[in-house]
Amino acid sequence: MIKSSMTPDDLVTLVTGQLDTDLAEDVLAIDLRGRSSMADHIVIATGNSNRQVAAMAEHLVEKLKANRYRVALEGMPQADWVLVDAGDIVIHLFRPEVRSYYNLERMWGAAEPATTAH
């Protein structure tokens, strides 16, 4: 597989654009460059139901694969918290109460997003 030529910032734009299309709420991108070797960015987003979280994950996988990223997916059977790992970027998709419970924003020292409604 040929590696994508997208920059880390282009990749964040691709992912957040797809999440916006899927009506994700409270999308937060955290730049990890220089802070962690696991990925360049983490993106955290909320879906209102298990069905929406699963659909967002499926759409992201399709979009990332189309852009030559290898993708690993975790958490699809329950879709309370789905992790999409594309190497350079890791996306966490949550239902609201699960996101609140784990509070990954605090772990990475990021400001929590303002609540948005679609």
N, C-alpha and C. Protein backbone atom coordinates (compact mmCIF):
# COMPACT_ATOMS: atom_id res chain seq x y z
N MET A 1 0.85 -1.18 0.00
CA MET A 1 0.00 0.00 0.00
C MET A 1 0.89 1.24 0.00
N ILE A 2 0.60 2.19 -0.84
CA ILE A 2 1.34 3.44 -0.92
C ILE A 2 0.83 4.36 0.17
N LYS A 3 1.75 4.98 0.88
CA LYS A 3 1.40 5.91 1.95
C LYS A 3 0.81 7.18 1.36
N SER A 4 -0.19 7.70 2.03
CA SER A 4 -0.81 8.95 1.59
C SER A 4 0.19 10.09 1.68
N SER A 5 0.05 11.07 0.80
CA SER A 5 0.93 12.22 0.81
C SER A 5 0.31 13.40 1.57
N MET A 6 -0.78 13.16 2.28
CA MET A 6 -1.43 14.23 3.02
C MET A 6 -0.57 14.67 4.20
N THR A 7 -0.59 15.96 4.49
CA THR A 7 0.09 16.47 5.68
C THR A 7 -0.78 16.16 6.90
N PRO A 8 -0.21 16.20 8.11
CA PRO A 8 -1.03 15.98 9.29
C PRO A 8 -2.22 16.95 9.38
N ASP A 9 -2.00 18.20 9.00
CA ASP A 9 -3.09 19.17 9.05
C ASP A 9 -4.17 18.88 8.01
N ASP A 10 -3.76 18.41 6.81
CA ASP A 10 -4.73 18.00 5.79
C ASP A 10 -5.57 16.83 6.29
N LEU A 11 -4.93 15.92 6.99
CA LEU A 11 -5.63 14.76 7.52
C LEU A 11 -6.67 15.16 8.56
N VAL A 12 -6.33 16.09 9.43
CA VAL A 12 -7.29 16.59 10.41
C VAL A 12 -8.47 17.24 9.70
N THR A 13 -8.20 18.01 8.67
CA THR A 13 -9.25 18.67 7.90
C THR A 13 -10.16 17.64 7.24
N LEU A 14 -9.58 16.57 6.68
CA LEU A 14 -10.36 15.50 6.08
C LEU A 14 -11.29 14.86 7.11
N VAL A 15 -10.74 14.52 8.27
CA VAL A 15 -11.51 13.83 9.32
C VAL A 15 -12.59 14.75 9.89
N THR A 16 -12.23 15.97 10.24
CA THR A 16 -13.23 16.87 10.83
C THR A 16 -14.29 17.26 9.81
N GLY A 17 -13.92 17.34 8.54
CA GLY A 17 -14.92 17.61 7.50
C GLY A 17 -15.93 16.49 7.40
N GLN A 18 -15.45 15.23 7.45
CA GLN A 18 -16.37 14.09 7.40
C GLN A 18 -17.26 14.08 8.64
N LEU A 19 -16.68 14.37 9.80
CA LEU A 19 -17.49 14.40 11.02
C LEU A 19 -18.54 15.50 10.96
N ASP A 20 -18.20 16.62 10.37
CA ASP A 20 -19.18 17.70 10.20
C ASP A 20 -20.31 17.24 9.28
N THR A 21 -19.97 16.56 8.20
CA THR A 21 -20.97 16.02 7.28
C THR A 21 -21.91 15.06 8.00
N ASP A 22 -21.35 14.29 8.93
CA ASP A 22 -22.13 13.30 9.68
C ASP A 22 -22.82 13.89 10.91
N LEU A 23 -22.77 15.22 11.05
CA LEU A 23 -23.42 15.93 12.15
C LEU A 23 -22.89 15.54 13.53
N ALA A 24 -21.60 15.25 13.61
CA ALA A 24 -20.97 15.00 14.90
C ALA A 24 -21.02 16.29 15.73
N GLU A 25 -21.06 16.13 17.03
CA GLU A 25 -21.08 17.28 17.93
C GLU A 25 -19.78 17.35 18.71
N ASP A 26 -19.46 18.56 19.16
CA ASP A 26 -18.31 18.80 20.04
C ASP A 26 -17.03 18.20 19.49
N VAL A 27 -16.74 18.45 18.24
CA VAL A 27 -15.53 17.92 17.60
C VAL A 27 -14.32 18.70 18.11
N LEU A 28 -13.33 17.96 18.58
CA LEU A 28 -12.12 18.57 19.11
C LEU A 28 -10.91 17.86 18.52
N ALA A 29 -10.00 18.61 17.91
CA ALA A 29 -8.75 18.06 17.38
C ALA A 29 -7.62 18.51 18.30
N ILE A 30 -6.81 17.57 18.74
CA ILE A 30 -5.69 17.85 19.64
C ILE A 30 -4.40 17.51 18.92
N ASP A 31 -3.52 18.48 18.78
CA ASP A 31 -2.23 18.30 18.13
C ASP A 31 -1.28 17.63 19.12
N LEU A 32 -0.79 16.45 18.77
CA LEU A 32 0.13 15.70 19.64
C LEU A 32 1.58 15.76 19.19
N ARG A 33 1.84 16.46 18.10
CA ARG A 33 3.21 16.51 17.60
C ARG A 33 4.11 17.10 18.68
N GLY A 34 5.17 16.37 18.99
CA GLY A 34 6.10 16.78 20.03
C GLY A 34 5.65 16.41 21.43
N ARG A 35 4.44 15.87 21.58
CA ARG A 35 3.91 15.49 22.90
C ARG A 35 3.78 13.98 23.06
N SER A 36 3.62 13.28 21.92
CA SER A 36 3.41 11.84 21.96
C SER A 36 3.89 11.23 20.65
N SER A 37 4.40 10.02 20.73
CA SER A 37 4.83 9.33 19.52
C SER A 37 3.74 8.44 18.94
N MET A 38 2.59 8.36 19.62
CA MET A 38 1.54 7.45 19.15
C MET A 38 0.80 7.95 17.92
N ALA A 39 0.70 9.26 17.74
CA ALA A 39 0.00 9.84 16.59
C ALA A 39 0.32 11.32 16.51
N ASP A 40 0.04 11.93 15.36
CA ASP A 40 0.21 13.38 15.22
C ASP A 40 -0.98 14.14 15.82
N HIS A 41 -2.17 13.54 15.73
CA HIS A 41 -3.38 14.19 16.23
C HIS A 41 -4.34 13.16 16.81
N ILE A 42 -5.12 13.64 17.77
CA ILE A 42 -6.29 12.90 18.25
C ILE A 42 -7.49 13.78 17.92
N VAL A 43 -8.55 13.16 17.43
CA VAL A 43 -9.80 13.86 17.23
C VAL A 43 -10.85 13.16 18.09
N ILE A 44 -11.61 13.96 18.82
CA ILE A 44 -12.66 13.44 19.70
C ILE A 44 -13.98 14.06 19.23
N ALA A 45 -15.01 13.23 19.12
CA ALA A 45 -16.32 13.73 18.68
C ALA A 45 -17.43 12.92 19.33
N THR A 46 -18.60 13.51 19.35
CA THR A 46 -19.76 12.89 19.97
C THR A 46 -20.85 12.64 18.94
N GLY A 47 -21.48 11.47 19.07
CA GLY A 47 -22.68 11.14 18.30
C GLY A 47 -23.81 10.91 19.29
N ASN A 48 -25.03 11.20 18.88
CA ASN A 48 -26.16 11.14 19.81
C ASN A 48 -26.70 9.75 20.07
N SER A 49 -26.29 8.76 19.29
CA SER A 49 -26.80 7.40 19.47
C SER A 49 -25.72 6.41 19.02
N ASN A 50 -25.90 5.16 19.41
CA ASN A 50 -24.98 4.11 18.97
C ASN A 50 -24.97 4.03 17.45
N ARG A 51 -26.14 4.18 16.85
CA ARG A 51 -26.25 4.11 15.39
C ARG A 51 -25.45 5.24 14.73
N GLN A 52 -25.55 6.46 15.25
CA GLN A 52 -24.80 7.57 14.68
C GLN A 52 -23.29 7.38 14.87
N VAL A 53 -22.88 6.93 16.05
CA VAL A 53 -21.45 6.69 16.30
C VAL A 53 -20.92 5.65 15.32
N ALA A 54 -21.66 4.56 15.13
CA ALA A 54 -21.23 3.51 14.21
C ALA A 54 -21.16 4.02 12.77
N ALA A 55 -22.15 4.80 12.36
CA ALA A 55 -22.16 5.35 10.99
C ALA A 55 -20.98 6.30 10.79
N MET A 56 -20.70 7.15 11.78
CA MET A 56 -19.56 8.06 11.66
C MET A 56 -18.27 7.27 11.50
N ALA A 57 -18.11 6.21 12.28
CA ALA A 57 -16.91 5.38 12.19
C ALA A 57 -16.79 4.74 10.82
N GLU A 58 -17.87 4.18 10.31
CA GLU A 58 -17.84 3.55 8.99
C GLU A 58 -17.47 4.55 7.90
N HIS A 59 -18.04 5.74 7.96
CA HIS A 59 -17.72 6.76 6.96
C HIS A 59 -16.26 7.20 7.05
N LEU A 60 -15.74 7.32 8.26
CA LEU A 60 -14.33 7.69 8.42
C LEU A 60 -13.41 6.61 7.86
N VAL A 61 -13.73 5.36 8.14
CA VAL A 61 -12.92 4.25 7.61
C VAL A 61 -12.89 4.30 6.09
N GLU A 62 -14.05 4.47 5.46
CA GLU A 62 -14.11 4.56 4.00
C GLU A 62 -13.25 5.72 3.48
N LYS A 63 -13.39 6.89 4.10
CA LYS A 63 -12.67 8.09 3.66
C LYS A 63 -11.16 7.91 3.85
N LEU A 64 -10.75 7.36 4.99
CA LEU A 64 -9.32 7.16 5.25
C LEU A 64 -8.71 6.12 4.31
N LYS A 65 -9.42 5.04 4.09
CA LYS A 65 -8.92 4.02 3.16
C LYS A 65 -8.82 4.57 1.74
N ALA A 66 -9.76 5.39 1.35
CA ALA A 66 -9.72 6.01 0.02
C ALA A 66 -8.51 6.92 -0.13
N ASN A 67 -7.97 7.39 1.00
CA ASN A 67 -6.79 8.25 0.99
C ASN A 67 -5.53 7.50 1.42
N ARG A 68 -5.58 6.17 1.24
CA ARG A 68 -4.42 5.30 1.42
C ARG A 68 -3.92 5.16 2.86
N TYR A 69 -4.82 5.22 3.80
CA TYR A 69 -4.46 4.96 5.20
C TYR A 69 -4.92 3.58 5.59
N ARG A 70 -4.08 2.89 6.31
CA ARG A 70 -4.50 1.63 6.94
C ARG A 70 -5.25 2.00 8.20
N VAL A 71 -6.34 1.33 8.43
CA VAL A 71 -7.22 1.71 9.53
C VAL A 71 -7.53 0.50 10.39
N ALA A 72 -7.45 0.71 11.72
CA ALA A 72 -7.91 -0.28 12.69
C ALA A 72 -9.13 0.30 13.39
N LEU A 73 -10.08 -0.55 13.67
CA LEU A 73 -11.35 -0.11 14.25
C LEU A 73 -11.64 -0.94 15.49
N GLU A 74 -12.01 -0.28 16.58
CA GLU A 74 -12.34 -0.97 17.83
C GLU A 74 -13.65 -0.43 18.37
N GLY A 75 -14.45 -1.30 18.95
CA GLY A 75 -15.65 -0.87 19.65
C GLY A 75 -16.93 -0.82 18.85
N MET A 76 -16.93 -1.38 17.65
CA MET A 76 -18.12 -1.29 16.81
C MET A 76 -19.34 -2.08 17.31
N PRO A 77 -19.17 -3.24 17.91
CA PRO A 77 -20.39 -3.96 18.30
C PRO A 77 -21.32 -3.15 19.21
N GLN A 78 -20.77 -2.44 20.19
CA GLN A 78 -21.60 -1.65 21.09
C GLN A 78 -21.76 -0.21 20.60
N ALA A 79 -20.72 0.32 19.99
CA ALA A 79 -20.69 1.69 19.46
C ALA A 79 -20.99 2.75 20.52
N ASP A 80 -20.58 2.48 21.78
CA ASP A 80 -20.62 3.50 22.82
C ASP A 80 -19.39 4.40 22.69
N TRP A 81 -18.27 3.75 22.39
CA TRP A 81 -16.99 4.42 22.19
C TRP A 81 -16.29 3.65 21.08
N VAL A 82 -16.10 4.29 19.94
CA VAL A 82 -15.43 3.65 18.82
C VAL A 82 -14.11 4.36 18.59
N LEU A 83 -13.07 3.58 18.45
CA LEU A 83 -11.73 4.09 18.18
C LEU A 83 -11.37 3.77 16.74
N VAL A 84 -11.01 4.80 15.99
CA VAL A 84 -10.55 4.64 14.61
C VAL A 84 -9.09 5.06 14.60
N ASP A 85 -8.20 4.10 14.34
CA ASP A 85 -6.76 4.35 14.37
C ASP A 85 -6.21 4.28 12.96
N ALA A 86 -5.73 5.42 12.46
CA ALA A 86 -5.13 5.47 11.12
C ALA A 86 -3.65 5.80 11.21
N GLY A 87 -3.04 5.50 12.34
CA GLY A 87 -1.61 5.71 12.52
C GLY A 87 -1.27 7.15 12.83
N ASP A 88 -1.36 8.03 11.84
CA ASP A 88 -1.04 9.44 12.04
C ASP A 88 -2.11 10.18 12.83
N ILE A 89 -3.31 9.60 12.85
CA ILE A 89 -4.43 10.21 13.56
C ILE A 89 -5.25 9.12 14.24
N VAL A 90 -5.71 9.42 15.45
CA VAL A 90 -6.57 8.51 16.19
C VAL A 90 -7.85 9.27 16.50
N ILE A 91 -8.97 8.66 16.14
CA ILE A 91 -10.26 9.31 16.31
C ILE A 91 -11.06 8.53 17.35
N HIS A 92 -11.57 9.26 18.34
CA HIS A 92 -12.42 8.68 19.38
C HIS A 92 -13.83 9.21 19.16
N LEU A 93 -14.78 8.31 18.96
CA LEU A 93 -16.18 8.67 18.75
C LEU A 93 -16.98 8.13 19.92
N PHE A 94 -17.71 9.01 20.59
CA PHE A 94 -18.42 8.65 21.82
C PHE A 94 -19.90 8.99 21.75
N ARG A 95 -20.68 8.27 22.55
CA ARG A 95 -22.00 8.76 22.93
C ARG A 95 -21.74 9.76 24.07
N PRO A 96 -22.64 10.74 24.29
CA PRO A 96 -22.35 11.84 25.22
C PRO A 96 -21.96 11.41 26.63
N GLU A 97 -22.70 10.49 27.23
CA GLU A 97 -22.41 10.11 28.61
C GLU A 97 -21.09 9.35 28.73
N VAL A 98 -20.71 8.61 27.71
CA VAL A 98 -19.45 7.87 27.72
C VAL A 98 -18.28 8.85 27.58
N ARG A 99 -18.45 9.85 26.71
CA ARG A 99 -17.40 10.87 26.56
C ARG A 99 -17.21 11.62 27.86
N SER A 100 -18.28 11.98 28.49
CA SER A 100 -18.20 12.71 29.75
C SER A 100 -17.49 11.87 30.82
N TYR A 101 -17.79 10.60 30.87
CA TYR A 101 -17.19 9.71 31.87
C TYR A 101 -15.68 9.60 31.69
N TYR A 102 -15.20 9.37 30.47
CA TYR A 102 -13.77 9.17 30.23
C TYR A 102 -12.98 10.47 30.11
N ASN A 103 -13.61 11.55 29.68
CA ASN A 103 -13.03 12.89 29.66
C ASN A 103 -11.59 12.92 29.13
N LEU A 104 -11.40 12.43 27.92
CA LEU A 104 -10.07 12.41 27.31
C LEU A 104 -9.48 13.80 27.13
N GLU A 105 -10.33 14.80 26.99
CA GLU A 105 -9.84 16.17 26.83
C GLU A 105 -8.96 16.55 28.02
N ARG A 106 -9.41 16.22 29.20
CA ARG A 106 -8.64 16.56 30.41
C ARG A 106 -7.31 15.82 30.44
N MET A 107 -7.33 14.56 30.03
CA MET A 107 -6.10 13.77 30.03
C MET A 107 -5.03 14.41 29.16
N TRP A 108 -5.43 15.01 28.02
CA TRP A 108 -4.48 15.62 27.11
C TRP A 108 -4.32 17.11 27.35
N GLY A 109 -4.94 17.63 28.40
CA GLY A 109 -4.79 19.04 28.72
C GLY A 109 -5.42 19.97 27.72
N ALA A 110 -6.45 19.50 27.05
CA ALA A 110 -7.13 20.33 26.04
C ALA A 110 -8.39 20.93 26.65
N ALA A 111 -8.74 22.09 26.17
CA ALA A 111 -9.99 22.71 26.60
C ALA A 111 -11.15 21.90 26.05
N GLU A 112 -12.17 21.72 26.87
CA GLU A 112 -13.34 21.00 26.39
C GLU A 112 -14.10 21.88 25.43
N PRO A 113 -14.63 21.28 24.36
CA PRO A 113 -15.35 22.09 23.37
C PRO A 113 -16.64 22.64 23.93
N ALA A 114 -17.05 23.76 23.38
CA ALA A 114 -18.36 24.31 23.74
C ALA A 114 -19.41 23.38 23.15
N THR A 115 -20.49 23.21 23.84
CA THR A 115 -21.56 22.34 23.34
C THR A 115 -22.19 22.96 22.11
N THR A 116 -22.35 22.13 21.09
CA THR A 116 -22.97 22.58 19.85
C THR A 116 -24.16 21.70 19.55
N ALA A 117 -25.14 22.25 18.94
CA ALA A 117 -26.30 21.47 18.55
C ALA A 117 -26.51 21.63 17.05
N HIS A 118 -26.92 20.55 16.41
CA HIS A 118 -27.23 20.58 14.97
C HIS A 118 -28.71 20.45 14.79
